[in-house]
PDB file of N, CA and C in Angstrom:
ATOM      1  N   UNK A   1       0.781  -1.359  -0.012  1.00  0.00           N
ATOM      2  CA  UNK A   1       0.155   0.029  -0.044  1.00  0.00           C
ATOM      3  C   UNK A   1       0.830   1.284   0.007  1.00  0.00           C
ATOM      4  N   UNK A   2       2.157   1.431   0.807  1.00  0.00           N
ATOM      5  CA  UNK A   2       2.916   2.379   0.840  1.00  0.00           C
ATOM      6  C   UNK A   2       3.389   2.650  -0.082  1.00  0.00           C
ATOM      7  N   UNK A   3       3.895   1.551  -0.997  1.00  0.00           N
ATOM      8  CA  UNK A   3       4.689   1.692  -2.341  1.00  0.00           C
ATOM      9  C   UNK A   3       3.690   2.225  -3.361  1.00  0.00           C
ATOM     10  N   UNK A   4       2.421   2.015  -3.392  1.00  0.00           N
ATOM     11  CA  UNK A   4       1.288   2.425  -4.113  1.00  0.00           C
ATOM     12  C   UNK A   4       1.244   4.069  -3.837  1.00  0.00           C
ATOM     13  N   UNK A   5       1.272   4.261  -2.794  1.00  0.00           N
ATOM     14  CA  UNK A   5       1.148   5.906  -2.266  1.00  0.00           C
ATOM     15  C   UNK A   5       2.377   6.431  -2.758  1.00  0.00           C
ATOM     16  N   UNK A   6       3.639   5.938  -2.809  1.00  0.00           N
ATOM     17  CA  UNK A   6       4.699   6.430  -3.058  1.00  0.00           C
ATOM     18  C   UNK A   6       4.894   6.622  -4.540  1.00  0.00           C
ATOM     19  N   UNK A   7       4.422   5.788  -5.140  1.00  0.00           N
ATOM     20  CA  UNK A   7       4.382   6.037  -6.765  1.00  0.00           C
ATOM     21  C   UNK A   7       3.561   7.006  -7.185  1.00  0.00           C
ATOM     22  N   UNK A   8       2.242   7.184  -6.775  1.00  0.00           N
ATOM     23  CA  UNK A   8       1.352   8.147  -6.903  1.00  0.00           C
ATOM     24  C   UNK A   8       1.827   9.553  -6.689  1.00  0.00           C
ATOM     25  N   UNK A   9       2.512   9.734  -5.478  1.00  0.00           N
ATOM     26  CA  UNK A   9       3.039  11.058  -4.804  1.00  0.00           C
ATOM     27  C   UNK A   9       4.165  11.558  -5.949  1.00  0.00           C
ATOM     28  N   UNK A  10       4.947  10.474  -6.261  1.00  0.00           N
ATOM     29  CA  UNK A  10       6.146  10.534  -7.378  1.00  0.00           C
ATOM     30  C   UNK A  10       5.632  11.193  -8.768  1.00  0.00           C
ATOM     31  N   UNK A  11       4.301  10.650  -9.008  1.00  0.00           N
ATOM     32  CA  UNK A  11       3.969  10.887 -10.268  1.00  0.00           C
ATOM     33  C   UNK A  11       3.125  12.188 -10.353  1.00  0.00           C
ATOM     34  N   UNK A  12       2.304  12.413  -9.128  1.00  0.00           N
ATOM     35  CA  UNK A  12       2.111  13.794  -8.838  1.00  0.00           C
ATOM     36  C   UNK A  12       2.992  15.119  -8.863  1.00  0.00           C
ATOM     37  N   UNK A  13       4.170  14.683  -8.372  1.00  0.00           N
ATOM     38  CA  UNK A  13       5.304  15.640  -8.164  1.00  0.00           C
ATOM     39  C   UNK A  13       5.886  15.793  -9.953  1.00  0.00           C
ATOM     40  N   UNK A  14       6.140  14.743 -10.568  1.00  0.00           N
ATOM     41  CA  UNK A  14       6.744  14.504 -11.714  1.00  0.00           C
ATOM     42  C   UNK A  14       5.930  15.456 -12.687  1.00  0.00           C
ATOM     43  N   UNK A  15       4.464  15.449 -12.632  1.00  0.00           N
ATOM     44  CA  UNK A  15       3.636  15.780 -13.810  1.00  0.00           C
ATOM     45  C   UNK A  15       3.898  17.210 -13.970  1.00  0.00           C
ATOM     46  N   UNK A  16       4.198  18.186 -13.168  1.00  0.00           N
ATOM     47  CA  UNK A  16       4.305  19.516 -13.594  1.00  0.00           C
ATOM     48  C   UNK A  16       5.719  19.924 -14.312  1.00  0.00           C
ATOM     49  N   UNK A  17       6.818  19.077 -14.120  1.00  0.00           N
ATOM     50  CA  UNK A  17       7.923  18.916 -14.777  1.00  0.00           C
ATOM     51  C   UNK A  17       7.822  18.364 -16.023  1.00  0.00           C
ATOM     52  N   UNK A  18       7.079  17.403 -16.306  1.00  0.00           N
ATOM     53  CA  UNK A  18       6.754  17.049 -17.668  1.00  0.00           C
ATOM     54  C   UNK A  18       6.095  17.927 -18.509  1.00  0.00           C
ATOM     55  N   UNK A  19       5.088  18.771 -17.948  1.00  0.00           N
ATOM     56  CA  UNK A  19       4.280  19.606 -18.732  1.00  0.00           C
ATOM     57  C   UNK A  19       5.188  20.797 -19.091  1.00  0.00           C
ATOM     58  N   UNK A  20       6.038  21.204 -17.899  1.00  0.00           N
ATOM     59  CA  UNK A  20       6.818  22.474 -18.447  1.00  0.00           C
ATOM     60  C   UNK A  20       7.900  22.060 -19.529  1.00  0.00           C
ATOM     61  N   UNK A  21       8.368  20.926 -19.452  1.00  0.00           N
ATOM     62  CA  UNK A  21       9.330  20.336 -20.797  1.00  0.00           C
ATOM     63  C   UNK A  21       8.633  20.323 -21.995  1.00  0.00           C
ATOM     64  N   UNK A  22       7.225  19.942 -21.906  1.00  0.00           N
ATOM     65  CA  UNK A  22       6.451  19.892 -23.035  1.00  0.00           C
ATOM     66  C   UNK A  22       6.195  21.249 -23.740  1.00  0.00           C
ATOM     67  N   UNK A  23       6.041  22.170 -22.957  1.00  0.00           N
ATOM     68  CA  UNK A  23       5.679  23.580 -23.300  1.00  0.00           C
ATOM     69  C   UNK A  23       6.827  24.403 -23.502  1.00  0.00           C
ATOM     70  N   UNK A  24       8.138  23.859 -23.027  1.00  0.00           N
ATOM     71  CA  UNK A  24       9.168  24.934 -23.058  1.00  0.00           C
ATOM     72  C   UNK A  24       9.700  25.426 -24.558  1.00  0.00           C
ATOM     73  N   UNK A  25       9.335  24.586 -25.520  1.00  0.00           N
ATOM     74  CA  UNK A  25       9.573  25.054 -26.952  1.00  0.00           C
ATOM     75  C   UNK A  25       8.544  25.749 -27.647  1.00  0.00           C
ATOM     76  N   UNK A  26       7.368  26.063 -26.884  1.00  0.00           N
ATOM     77  CA  UNK A  26       6.244  26.638 -27.385  1.00  0.00           C
ATOM     78  C   UNK A  26       6.365  28.313 -27.626  1.00  0.00           C
ATOM     79  N   UNK A  27       6.357  28.578 -28.971  1.00  0.00           N
ATOM     80  CA  UNK A  27       6.378  30.246 -28.966  1.00  0.00           C
ATOM     81  C   UNK A  27       5.018  30.709 -28.647  1.00  0.00           C
ATOM     82  N   UNK A  28       3.844  30.400 -29.391  1.00  0.00           N
ATOM     83  CA  UNK A  28       2.602  30.710 -29.133  1.00  0.00           C
ATOM     84  C   UNK A  28       1.529  29.664 -29.363  1.00  0.00           C
ATOM     85  N   UNK A  29       0.330  29.793 -28.910  1.00  0.00           N
ATOM     86  CA  UNK A  29      -0.867  29.073 -29.072  1.00  0.00           C
ATOM     87  C   UNK A  29      -2.145  30.030 -29.672  1.00  0.00           C
ATOM     88  N   UNK A  30      -2.826  29.633 -30.687  1.00  0.00           N
ATOM     89  CA  UNK A  30      -3.931  30.231 -31.063  1.00  0.00           C
ATOM     90  C   UNK A  30      -5.057  29.495 -31.222  1.00  0.00           C
ATOM     91  N   UNK A  31      -6.171  30.041 -31.275  1.00  0.00           N
ATOM     92  CA  UNK A  31      -7.413  29.337 -31.253  1.00  0.00           C
ATOM     93  C   UNK A  31      -8.284  29.892 -32.522  1.00  0.00           C
ATOM     94  N   UNK A  32      -8.777  29.199 -33.293  1.00  0.00           N
ATOM     95  CA  UNK A  32      -9.415  29.749 -34.357  1.00  0.00           C
ATOM     96  C   UNK A  32     -10.977  29.308 -34.149  1.00  0.00           C
ATOM     97  N   UNK A  33     -11.921  30.043 -34.356  1.00  0.00           N
ATOM     98  CA  UNK A  33     -13.258  29.726 -34.251  1.00  0.00           C
ATOM     99  C   UNK A  33     -14.042  30.542 -35.189  1.00  0.00           C
ATOM    100  N   UNK A  34     -14.838  29.913 -36.083  1.00  0.00           N
ATOM    101  CA  UNK A  34     -15.540  30.497 -37.153  1.00  0.00           C
ATOM    102  C   UNK A  34     -14.638  31.459 -37.805  1.00  0.00           C
ATOM    103  N   UNK A  35     -13.373  31.053 -38.340  1.00  0.00           N
ATOM    104  CA  UNK A  35     -12.623  31.889 -38.954  1.00  0.00           C
ATOM    105  C   UNK A  35     -11.763  33.320 -38.260  1.00  0.00           C
ATOM    106  N   UNK A  36     -12.124  33.229 -37.033  1.00  0.00           N
ATOM    107  CA  UNK A  36     -11.649  34.363 -36.186  1.00  0.00           C
ATOM    108  C   UNK A  36     -10.371  33.682 -35.368  1.00  0.00           C
ATOM    109  N   UNK A  37      -9.274  34.249 -35.496  1.00  0.00           N
ATOM    110  CA  UNK A  37      -8.178  33.932 -34.694  1.00  0.00           C
ATOM    111  C   UNK A  37      -7.918  34.646 -33.245  1.00  0.00           C
ATOM    112  N   UNK A  38      -7.694  33.800 -32.251  1.00  0.00           N
ATOM    113  CA  UNK A  38      -7.696  34.723 -30.828  1.00  0.00           C
ATOM    114  C   UNK A  38      -6.109  34.045 -30.410  1.00  0.00           C
ATOM    115  N   UNK A  39      -5.315  34.676 -29.841  1.00  0.00           N
ATOM    116  CA  UNK A  39      -4.057  34.366 -29.123  1.00  0.00           C
ATOM    117  C   UNK A  39      -4.524  33.710 -27.696  1.00  0.00           C
ATOM    118  N   UNK A  40      -4.139  32.843 -27.556  1.00  0.00           N
ATOM    119  CA  UNK A  40      -4.262  32.136 -26.244  1.00  0.00           C
ATOM    120  C   UNK A  40      -3.217  32.200 -25.264  1.00  0.00           C
ATOM    121  N   UNK A  41      -2.080  31.918 -25.631  1.00  0.00           N
ATOM    122  CA  UNK A  41      -0.804  32.043 -24.673  1.00  0.00           C
ATOM    123  C   UNK A  41       0.317  32.399 -25.942  1.00  0.00           C
ATOM    124  N   UNK A  42       1.379  32.903 -25.206  1.00  0.00           N
ATOM    125  CA  UNK A  42       2.642  33.514 -25.680  1.00  0.00           C
ATOM    126  C   UNK A  42       2.507  34.828 -26.441  1.00  0.00           C
ATOM    127  N   UNK A  43       3.610  35.069 -27.408  1.00  0.00           N
ATOM    128  CA  UNK A  43       3.602  36.083 -27.953  1.00  0.00           C
ATOM    129  C   UNK A  43       3.871  36.105 -29.369  1.00  0.00           C
ATOM    130  N   UNK A  44       3.098  37.414 -30.062  1.00  0.00           N
ATOM    131  CA  UNK A  44       3.336  37.069 -31.497  1.00  0.00           C
ATOM    132  C   UNK A  44       2.927  38.548 -32.044  1.00  0.00           C
ATOM    133  N   UNK A  45       4.040  38.909 -33.088  1.00  0.00           N
ATOM    134  CA  UNK A  45       3.592  40.047 -33.835  1.00  0.00           C
ATOM    135  C   UNK A  45       2.213  40.419 -34.287  1.00  0.00           C
ATOM    136  N   UNK A  46       1.576  41.445 -34.071  1.00  0.00           N
ATOM    137  CA  UNK A  46       0.257  41.632 -34.752  1.00  0.00           C
ATOM    138  C   UNK A  46       0.214  41.249 -36.145  1.00  0.00           C
ATOM    139  N   UNK A  47       0.906  41.743 -36.976  1.00  0.00           N
ATOM    140  CA  UNK A  47       1.364  41.373 -38.526  1.00  0.00           C
ATOM    141  C   UNK A  47       0.988  40.010 -38.687  1.00  0.00           C
ATOM    142  N   UNK A  48       1.753  38.983 -37.611  1.00  0.00           N
ATOM    143  CA  UNK A  48       1.542  37.823 -38.028  1.00  0.00           C
ATOM    144  C   UNK A  48       0.140  36.937 -37.530  1.00  0.00           C
ATOM    145  N   UNK A  49      -0.291  37.529 -36.725  1.00  0.00           N
ATOM    146  CA  UNK A  49      -1.698  37.511 -36.126  1.00  0.00           C
ATOM    147  C   UNK A  49      -2.722  37.632 -37.185  1.00  0.00           C
ATOM    148  N   UNK A  50      -2.181  38.895 -37.781  1.00  0.00           N
ATOM    149  CA  UNK A  50      -3.251  39.335 -39.104  1.00  0.00           C
ATOM    150  C   UNK A  50      -3.238  38.415 -40.125  1.00  0.00           C
ATOM    151  N   UNK A  51      -2.037  38.073 -40.560  1.00  0.00           N
ATOM    152  CA  UNK A  51      -1.682  37.053 -41.727  1.00  0.00           C
ATOM    153  C   UNK A  51      -2.547  35.615 -41.360  1.00  0.00           C
ATOM    154  N   UNK A  52      -2.314  35.041 -39.966  1.00  0.00           N
ATOM    155  CA  UNK A  52      -2.957  33.808 -39.827  1.00  0.00           C
ATOM    156  C   UNK A  52      -4.465  34.128 -40.162  1.00  0.00           C
ATOM    157  N   UNK A  53      -4.988  35.190 -39.378  1.00  0.00           N
ATOM    158  CA  UNK A  53      -6.453  35.464 -39.501  1.00  0.00           C
ATOM    159  C   UNK A  53      -7.017  35.582 -41.153  1.00  0.00           C
ATOM    160  N   UNK A  54      -6.151  36.172 -41.898  1.00  0.00           N
ATOM    161  CA  UNK A  54      -6.553  36.130 -43.301  1.00  0.00           C
ATOM    162  C   UNK A  54      -6.722  34.910 -43.776  1.00  0.00           C
ATOM    163  N   UNK A  55      -5.691  34.087 -43.808  1.00  0.00           N
ATOM    164  CA  UNK A  55      -5.650  32.570 -44.056  1.00  0.00           C
ATOM    165  C   UNK A  55      -7.074  31.880 -43.495  1.00  0.00           C
ATOM    166  N   UNK A  56      -7.277  32.101 -42.179  1.00  0.00           N
ATOM    167  CA  UNK A  56      -8.363  31.162 -41.404  1.00  0.00           C
ATOM    168  C   UNK A  56      -9.576  31.621 -41.963  1.00  0.00           C
ATOM    169  N   UNK A  57      -9.967  33.004 -42.247  1.00  0.00           N
ATOM    170  CA  UNK A  57     -10.842  33.559 -42.598  1.00  0.00           C
ATOM    171  C   UNK A  57     -11.344  33.257 -43.924  1.00  0.00           C
ATOM    172  N   UNK A  58     -10.191  33.174 -45.105  1.00  0.00           N
ATOM    173  CA  UNK A  58     -10.455  32.812 -46.358  1.00  0.00           C
ATOM    174  C   UNK A  58     -10.839  31.270 -46.459  1.00  0.00           C
ATOM    175  N   UNK A  59     -10.233  30.484 -45.469  1.00  0.00           N
ATOM    176  CA  UNK A  59     -10.591  29.086 -45.494  1.00  0.00           C
ATOM    177  C   UNK A  59     -11.822  28.763 -44.710  1.00  0.00           C
ATOM    178  N   UNK A  60     -12.399  29.528 -43.919  1.00  0.00           N
ATOM    179  CA  UNK A  60     -13.565  29.387 -43.117  1.00  0.00           C
ATOM    180  C   UNK A  60     -13.572  28.109 -42.527  1.00  0.00           C
ATOM    181  N   UNK A  61     -12.159  28.252 -41.438  1.00  0.00           N
ATOM    182  CA  UNK A  61     -11.931  27.206 -40.713  1.00  0.00           C
ATOM    183  C   UNK A  61     -12.999  27.390 -39.363  1.00  0.00           C
ATOM    184  N   UNK A  62     -13.703  26.172 -39.420  1.00  0.00           N
ATOM    185  CA  UNK A  62     -14.667  25.956 -38.136  1.00  0.00           C
ATOM    186  C   UNK A  62     -14.215  26.210 -36.697  1.00  0.00           C
ATOM    187  N   UNK A  63     -13.098  25.441 -36.416  1.00  0.00           N
ATOM    188  CA  UNK A  63     -12.630  25.248 -35.014  1.00  0.00           C
ATOM    189  C   UNK A  63     -11.307  24.360 -35.212  1.00  0.00           C
ATOM    190  N   UNK A  64     -10.256  25.380 -34.534  1.00  0.00           N
ATOM    191  CA  UNK A  64      -8.911  24.480 -34.638  1.00  0.00           C
ATOM    192  C   UNK A  64      -8.191  25.347 -33.413  1.00  0.00           C
ATOM    193  N   UNK A  65      -7.077  24.451 -32.992  1.00  0.00           N
ATOM    194  CA  UNK A  65      -6.350  25.297 -31.946  1.00  0.00           C
ATOM    195  C   UNK A  65      -4.826  24.730 -32.450  1.00  0.00           C
ATOM    196  N   UNK A  66      -3.952  25.786 -32.619  1.00  0.00           N
ATOM    197  CA  UNK A  66      -2.875  25.509 -33.424  1.00  0.00           C
ATOM    198  C   UNK A  66      -1.679  26.124 -32.398  1.00  0.00           C
ATOM    199  N   UNK A  67      -0.585  25.404 -32.281  1.00  0.00           N
ATOM    200  CA  UNK A  67       0.588  25.832 -31.561  1.00  0.00           C
ATOM    201  C   UNK A  67       1.771  26.045 -32.642  1.00  0.00           C
ATOM    202  N   UNK A  68       2.673  26.890 -32.137  1.00  0.00           N
ATOM    203  CA  UNK A  68       4.067  27.055 -32.990  1.00  0.00           C
ATOM    204  C   UNK A  68       4.885  26.945 -31.918  1.00  0.00           C
ATOM    205  N   UNK A  69       5.965  25.899 -32.415  1.00  0.00           N
ATOM    206  CA  UNK A  69       7.078  25.605 -31.644  1.00  0.00           C
ATOM    207  C   UNK A  69       8.190  25.794 -32.165  1.00  0.00           C
ATOM    208  N   UNK A  70       9.402  25.897 -31.423  1.00  0.00           N
ATOM    209  CA  UNK A  70      10.489  26.151 -31.994  1.00  0.00           C
ATOM    210  C   UNK A  70      11.279  24.770 -32.167  1.00  0.00           C
ATOM    211  N   UNK A  71      11.784  24.543 -33.233  1.00  0.00           N
ATOM    212  CA  UNK A  71      12.363  23.090 -33.610  1.00  0.00           C
ATOM    213  C   UNK A  71      13.514  23.548 -34.492  1.00  0.00           C
ATOM    214  N   UNK A  72      14.570  23.224 -34.098  1.00  0.00           N
ATOM    215  CA  UNK A  72      15.883  23.337 -34.822  1.00  0.00           C
ATOM    216  C   UNK A  72      16.092  24.760 -35.086  1.00  0.00           C
ATOM    217  N   UNK A  73      15.570  25.599 -34.297  1.00  0.00           N
ATOM    218  CA  UNK A  73      15.940  27.093 -34.654  1.00  0.00           C
ATOM    219  C   UNK A  73      15.049  27.801 -35.332  1.00  0.00           C
ATOM    220  N   UNK A  74      13.901  27.390 -35.851  1.00  0.00           N
ATOM    221  CA  UNK A  74      12.878  27.737 -36.797  1.00  0.00           C
ATOM    222  C   UNK A  74      11.531  27.440 -36.175  1.00  0.00           C
ATOM    223  N   UNK A  75      10.615  28.303 -36.469  1.00  0.00           N
ATOM    224  CA  UNK A  75       9.206  28.172 -35.917  1.00  0.00           C
ATOM    225  C   UNK A  75       8.451  26.862 -36.881  1.00  0.00           C
ATOM    226  N   UNK A  76       7.783  26.119 -36.167  1.00  0.00           N
ATOM    227  CA  UNK A  76       7.105  25.090 -36.746  1.00  0.00           C
ATOM    228  C   UNK A  76       5.529  25.108 -36.151  1.00  0.00           C
ATOM    229  N   UNK A  77       4.531  25.051 -37.317  1.00  0.00           N
ATOM    230  CA  UNK A  77       3.173  25.176 -36.853  1.00  0.00           C
ATOM    231  C   UNK A  77       2.762  23.652 -36.730  1.00  0.00           C
ATOM    232  N   UNK A  78       2.004  23.480 -35.518  1.00  0.00           N
ATOM    233  CA  UNK A  78       1.558  21.982 -35.181  1.00  0.00           C
ATOM    234  C   UNK A  78      -0.193  22.224 -35.067  1.00  0.00           C
ATOM    235  N   UNK A  79      -0.897  21.324 -35.457  1.00  0.00           N
ATOM    236  CA  UNK A  79      -2.141  21.501 -34.987  1.00  0.00           C
ATOM    237  C   UNK A  79      -2.537  20.623 -33.858  1.00  0.00           C
ATOM    238  N   UNK A  80      -2.980  21.415 -32.783  1.00  0.00           N
ATOM    239  CA  UNK A  80      -3.117  20.735 -31.413  1.00  0.00           C
ATOM    240  C   UNK A  80      -4.450  20.127 -31.342  1.00  0.00           C
ATOM    241  N   UNK A  81      -5.443  20.689 -31.999  1.00  0.00           N
ATOM    242  CA  UNK A  81      -7.056  20.249 -31.958  1.00  0.00           C
ATOM    243  C   UNK A  81      -7.583  20.844 -33.251  1.00  0.00           C
ATOM    244  N   UNK A  82      -8.954  20.107 -33.599  1.00  0.00           N
ATOM    245  CA  UNK A  82      -9.690  20.470 -34.807  1.00  0.00           C
ATOM    246  C   UNK A  82      -9.178  19.970 -35.826  1.00  0.00           C
ATOM    247  N   UNK A  83      -9.516  20.211 -36.922  1.00  0.00           N
ATOM    248  CA  UNK A  83      -9.142  19.981 -38.404  1.00  0.00           C
ATOM    249  C   UNK A  83      -8.879  20.939 -39.157  1.00  0.00           C
ATOM    250  N   UNK A  84      -7.959  20.945 -40.110  1.00  0.00           N
ATOM    251  CA  UNK A  84      -7.604  21.997 -40.977  1.00  0.00           C
ATOM    252  C   UNK A  84      -7.047  21.262 -42.334  1.00  0.00           C
ATOM    253  N   UNK A  85      -7.648  21.855 -43.585  1.00  0.00           N
ATOM    254  CA  UNK A  85      -7.522  20.976 -44.817  1.00  0.00           C
ATOM    255  C   UNK A  85      -6.001  21.343 -45.128  1.00  0.00           C
ATOM    256  N   UNK A  86      -5.355  20.190 -45.665  1.00  0.00           N
ATOM    257  CA  UNK A  86      -4.191  20.155 -46.024  1.00  0.00           C
ATOM    258  C   UNK A  86      -3.607  21.315 -46.893  1.00  0.00           C
ATOM    259  N   UNK A  87      -4.320  21.937 -47.662  1.00  0.00           N
ATOM    260  CA  UNK A  87      -3.866  23.341 -48.451  1.00  0.00           C
ATOM    261  C   UNK A  87      -3.967  24.401 -47.484  1.00  0.00           C
ATOM    262  N   UNK A  88      -4.781  24.556 -46.755  1.00  0.00           N
ATOM    263  CA  UNK A  88      -4.951  25.581 -45.813  1.00  0.00           C
ATOM    264  C   UNK A  88      -3.914  25.278 -44.692  1.00  0.00           C
ATOM    265  N   UNK A  89      -3.546  24.248 -43.937  1.00  0.00           N
ATOM    266  CA  UNK A  89      -2.331  24.095 -43.361  1.00  0.00           C
ATOM    267  C   UNK A  89      -1.162  24.455 -43.998  1.00  0.00           C
ATOM    268  N   UNK A  90      -0.944  23.922 -45.390  1.00  0.00           N
ATOM    269  CA  UNK A  90       0.332  24.636 -45.770  1.00  0.00           C
ATOM    270  C   UNK A  90       0.327  25.924 -46.007  1.00  0.00           C
ATOM    271  N   UNK A  91      -0.621  26.632 -46.046  1.00  0.00           N
ATOM    272  CA  UNK A  91      -0.714  28.233 -46.237  1.00  0.00           C
ATOM    273  C   UNK A  91      -0.446  28.872 -44.911  1.00  0.00           C
ATOM    274  N   UNK A  92      -0.921  28.193 -43.909  1.00  0.00           N
ATOM    275  CA  UNK A  92      -0.717  28.493 -42.422  1.00  0.00           C
ATOM    276  C   UNK A  92       1.108  28.644 -42.328  1.00  0.00           C
ATOM    277  N   UNK A  93       1.385  27.286 -42.589  1.00  0.00           N
ATOM    278  CA  UNK A  93       2.905  26.808 -42.380  1.00  0.00           C
ATOM    279  C   UNK A  93       3.745  28.093 -42.962  1.00  0.00           C
ATOM    280  N   UNK A  94       3.361  28.300 -44.061  1.00  0.00           N
ATOM    281  CA  UNK A  94       4.121  29.445 -44.985  1.00  0.00           C
ATOM    282  C   UNK A  94       4.154  30.649 -44.155  1.00  0.00           C
ATOM    283  N   UNK A  95       3.025  31.085 -43.789  1.00  0.00           N
ATOM    284  CA  UNK A  95       2.982  32.346 -43.004  1.00  0.00           C
ATOM    285  C   UNK A  95       3.938  32.300 -41.974  1.00  0.00           C
ATOM    286  N   UNK A  96       3.767  31.203 -41.020  1.00  0.00           N
ATOM    287  CA  UNK A  96       4.626  31.166 -39.832  1.00  0.00           C
ATOM    288  C   UNK A  96       6.193  31.076 -40.239  1.00  0.00           C
ATOM    289  N   UNK A  97       6.445  30.179 -41.279  1.00  0.00           N
ATOM    290  CA  UNK A  97       7.795  29.747 -41.761  1.00  0.00           C
ATOM    291  C   UNK A  97       8.368  31.260 -42.279  1.00  0.00           C
ATOM    292  N   UNK A  98       7.762  32.366 -42.448  1.00  0.00           N
ATOM    293  CA  UNK A  98       8.465  33.609 -42.926  1.00  0.00           C
ATOM    294  C   UNK A  98       9.093  34.344 -41.568  1.00  0.00           C
ATOM    295  N   UNK A  99       8.789  33.902 -40.483  1.00  0.00           N
ATOM    296  CA  UNK A  99       9.358  34.694 -39.392  1.00  0.00           C
ATOM    297  C   UNK A  99      10.293  33.819 -38.630  1.00  0.00           C
ATOM    298  N   UNK A 100      11.362  34.751 -37.994  1.00  0.00           N
ATOM    299  CA  UNK A 100      12.252  34.264 -37.302  1.00  0.00           C
ATOM    300  C   UNK A 100      11.729  34.056 -35.831  1.00  0.00           C
ATOM    301  N   UNK A 101      12.369  33.143 -35.159  1.00  0.00           N
ATOM    302  CA  UNK A 101      12.098  32.922 -33.731  1.00  0.00           C
ATOM    303  C   UNK A 101      12.202  34.231 -32.759  1.00  0.00           C
ATOM    304  N   UNK A 102      13.170  34.986 -33.242  1.00  0.00           N
ATOM    305  CA  UNK A 102      13.612  36.215 -32.231  1.00  0.00           C
ATOM    306  C   UNK A 102      12.516  37.405 -32.551  1.00  0.00           C
ATOM    307  N   UNK A 103      11.917  37.175 -33.823  1.00  0.00           N
ATOM    308  CA  UNK A 103      11.147  38.470 -34.141  1.00  0.00           C
ATOM    309  C   UNK A 103       9.671  38.159 -33.389  1.00  0.00           C
ATOM    310  N   UNK A 104       9.345  36.633 -33.326  1.00  0.00           N
ATOM    311  CA  UNK A 104       8.049  36.189 -32.843  1.00  0.00           C
ATOM    312  C   UNK A 104       8.038  36.569 -31.303  1.00  0.00           C
ATOM    313  N   UNK A 105       9.393  36.309 -30.660  1.00  0.00           N
ATOM    314  CA  UNK A 105       9.132  36.389 -29.302  1.00  0.00           C
ATOM    315  C   UNK A 105       9.410  37.890 -28.872  1.00  0.00           C
ATOM    316  N   UNK A 106       9.693  38.750 -29.905  1.00  0.00           N
ATOM    317  CA  UNK A 106       9.671  40.221 -29.647  1.00  0.00           C
ATOM    318  C   UNK A 106       8.157  40.771 -29.881  1.00  0.00           C
ATOM    319  N   UNK A 107       7.068  39.821 -30.255  1.00  0.00           N
ATOM    320  CA  UNK A 107       5.730  40.514 -30.300  1.00  0.00           C
ATOM    321  C   UNK A 107       5.328  40.684 -29.246  1.00  0.00           C
ATOM    322  N   UNK A 108       3.933  41.164 -28.982  1.00  0.00           N
ATOM    323  CA  UNK A 108       3.329  41.561 -28.010  1.00  0.00           C
ATOM    324  C   UNK A 108       2.458  40.238 -27.529  1.00  0.00           C
ATOM    325  N   UNK A 109       2.026  40.212 -26.081  1.00  0.00           N
ATOM    326  CA  UNK A 109       1.355  39.296 -25.461  1.00  0.00           C
ATOM    327  C   UNK A 109       0.003  39.306 -25.837  1.00  0.00           C
ATOM    328  N   UNK A 110      -0.679  40.426 -26.012  1.00  0.00           N
ATOM    329  CA  UNK A 110      -2.023  40.262 -26.710  1.00  0.00           C
ATOM    330  C   UNK A 110      -2.114  41.163 -27.746  1.00  0.00           C
ATOM    331  N   UNK A 111      -2.568  40.711 -28.952  1.00  0.00           N
ATOM    332  CA  UNK A 111      -2.752  41.377 -29.992  1.00  0.00           C
ATOM    333  C   UNK A 111      -4.077  41.834 -30.444  1.00  0.00           C
TER     334      UNK A 111
END
């Protein structure tokens, strides 16, 4: 019984560490609802938010949650929830790929 309690306690203490490691390379997260883009966490330049909003509005994305993470020194877009058509996803990747990580991090918290 005490072994089980110890394992559960260890798991409870390790969970925040695992979560912070998972999110450590995240630059920002946006949520798209009925073609409108909203910044959920992180920083991004207003122009980047506007470009993402243009693509989302043209494609009429019903609902999606997108994460942009730093991978090998470049920003990379990941669909965290929802569905985005492959062509639209590529357009969103192209928009994000035009930006450098430093310029994204220099953006505002809320746009």
